[in-house]
Amino acid sequence: MEETVEFVDFALNKWREKRNAAFIAHNLNRDEVYASGDFDSLPTECLVAACYVDAYAYVQSKIRSNTE
């Protein structure tokens, strides 16, 4: 189980870096986009990265809730 936790943590951090870089490359404010919930107009690169971050964060939260 520890290897899974490490992989999810690693993947989540990498996708956060990719998401942040994509938002910067497209001159978008990540916090404003998340606050508004307007994901429909995002460039594909930003949307994909945001989805992966959300997916890995969900998996991470489920792992943590099962180990507590």
C-alpha atoms as a PDB file:
ATOM      1  CA  MET A   1       0.000   0.000   0.000  1.00  0.00           C
ATOM      2  CA  GLU A   2       2.897   2.371   0.730  1.00  0.00           C
ATOM      3  CA  GLU A   3       4.050   2.216  -2.901  1.00  0.00           C
ATOM      4  CA  THR A   4       0.574   3.227  -4.042  1.00  0.00           C
ATOM      5  CA  VAL A   5       0.529   6.170  -1.647  1.00  0.00           C
ATOM      6  CA  GLU A   6       3.945   7.291  -2.872  1.00  0.00           C
ATOM      7  CA  PHE A   7       2.898   6.984  -6.522  1.00  0.00           C
ATOM      8  CA  VAL A   8      -0.306   8.963  -6.007  1.00  0.00           C
ATOM      9  CA  ASP A   9       1.588  11.690  -4.129  1.00  0.00           C
ATOM     10  CA  PHE A  10       4.209  11.828  -6.893  1.00  0.00           C
ATOM     11  CA  ALA A  11       1.639  11.892  -9.699  1.00  0.00           C
ATOM     12  CA  LEU A  12      -0.460  14.533  -7.950  1.00  0.00           C
ATOM     13  CA  ASN A  13       2.547  16.810  -7.533  1.00  0.00           C
ATOM     14  CA  LYS A  14       3.586  16.353 -11.188  1.00  0.00           C
ATOM     15  CA  TRP A  15       0.075  17.109 -12.454  1.00  0.00           C
ATOM     16  CA  ARG A  16      -0.156  20.165 -10.210  1.00  0.00           C
ATOM     17  CA  GLU A  17       3.078  21.424 -11.785  1.00  0.00           C
ATOM     18  CA  LYS A  18       1.695  20.763 -15.279  1.00  0.00           C
ATOM     19  CA  ARG A  19      -1.616  22.444 -14.417  1.00  0.00           C
ATOM     20  CA  ASN A  20       0.089  25.507 -12.990  1.00  0.00           C
ATOM     21  CA  ALA A  21       2.411  25.776 -15.995  1.00  0.00           C
ATOM     22  CA  ALA A  22      -0.511  25.415 -18.411  1.00  0.00           C
ATOM     23  CA  PHE A  23      -2.510  28.134 -16.670  1.00  0.00           C
ATOM     24  CA  ILE A  24       0.511  30.453 -16.726  1.00  0.00           C
ATOM     25  CA  ALA A  25       1.196  29.685 -20.400  1.00  0.00           C
ATOM     26  CA  HIS A  26      -2.380  30.702 -21.251  1.00  0.00           C
ATOM     27  CA  ASN A  27      -2.357  33.758 -18.966  1.00  0.00           C
ATOM     28  CA  LEU A  28      -5.118  32.339 -16.780  1.00  0.00           C
ATOM     29  CA  ASN A  29      -5.540  32.844 -13.057  1.00  0.00           C
ATOM     30  CA  ARG A  30      -6.034  29.369 -11.620  1.00  0.00           C
ATOM     31  CA  ASP A  31      -7.726  30.569  -8.430  1.00  0.00           C
ATOM     32  CA  GLU A  32     -10.227  32.680 -10.367  1.00  0.00           C
ATOM     33  CA  VAL A  33     -11.075  29.811 -12.716  1.00  0.00           C
ATOM     34  CA  TYR A  34     -11.633  27.410  -9.815  1.00  0.00           C
ATOM     35  CA  ALA A  35     -13.688  30.006  -7.911  1.00  0.00           C
ATOM     36  CA  SER A  36     -15.913  30.717 -10.923  1.00  0.00           C
ATOM     37  CA  GLY A  37     -16.213  27.059 -11.917  1.00  0.00           C
ATOM     38  CA  ASP A  38     -15.946  28.068 -15.578  1.00  0.00           C
ATOM     39  CA  PHE A  39     -14.039  25.098 -16.963  1.00  0.00           C
ATOM     40  CA  ASP A  40     -15.925  24.951 -20.285  1.00  0.00           C
ATOM     41  CA  SER A  41     -13.843  27.662 -21.908  1.00  0.00           C
ATOM     42  CA  LEU A  42     -10.428  26.402 -20.755  1.00  0.00           C
ATOM     43  CA  PRO A  43      -7.817  25.405 -23.313  1.00  0.00           C
ATOM     44  CA  THR A  44      -7.560  21.618 -23.556  1.00  0.00           C
ATOM     45  CA  GLU A  45      -4.131  21.527 -21.912  1.00  0.00           C
ATOM     46  CA  CYS A  46      -5.466  23.339 -18.837  1.00  0.00           C
ATOM     47  CA  LEU A  47      -8.624  21.260 -18.629  1.00  0.00           C
ATOM     48  CA  VAL A  48      -6.804  17.937 -18.885  1.00  0.00           C
ATOM     49  CA  ALA A  49      -4.303  18.933 -16.209  1.00  0.00           C
ATOM     50  CA  ALA A  50      -7.066  20.213 -13.910  1.00  0.00           C
ATOM     51  CA  CYS A  51      -8.971  16.941 -14.325  1.00  0.00           C
ATOM     52  CA  TYR A  52      -5.916  14.841 -13.504  1.00  0.00           C
ATOM     53  CA  VAL A  53      -5.201  16.951 -10.422  1.00  0.00           C
ATOM     54  CA  ASP A  54      -8.776  16.515  -9.240  1.00  0.00           C
ATOM     55  CA  ALA A  55      -8.717  12.777  -9.941  1.00  0.00           C
ATOM     56  CA  TYR A  56      -5.441  12.140  -8.121  1.00  0.00           C
ATOM     57  CA  ALA A  57      -6.518  14.375  -5.227  1.00  0.00           C
ATOM     58  CA  TYR A  58      -9.697  12.317  -4.917  1.00  0.00           C
ATOM     59  CA  VAL A  59      -7.734   9.048  -4.903  1.00  0.00           C
ATOM     60  CA  GLN A  60      -5.345  10.487  -2.328  1.00  0.00           C
ATOM     61  CA  SER A  61      -8.223  11.526  -0.061  1.00  0.00           C
ATOM     62  CA  LYS A  62      -9.825   8.074  -0.325  1.00  0.00           C
ATOM     63  CA  ILE A  63      -6.538   6.355   0.542  1.00  0.00           C
ATOM     64  CA  ARG A  64      -6.043   8.629   3.532  1.00  0.00           C
ATOM     65  CA  SER A  65      -9.600   8.135   4.774  1.00  0.00           C
ATOM     66  CA  ASN A  66      -9.180   4.343   4.581  1.00  0.00           C
ATOM     67  CA  THR A  67      -5.908   4.359   6.515  1.00  0.00           C
ATOM     68  CA  GLU A  68      -7.094   6.540   9.394  1.00  0.00           C
END
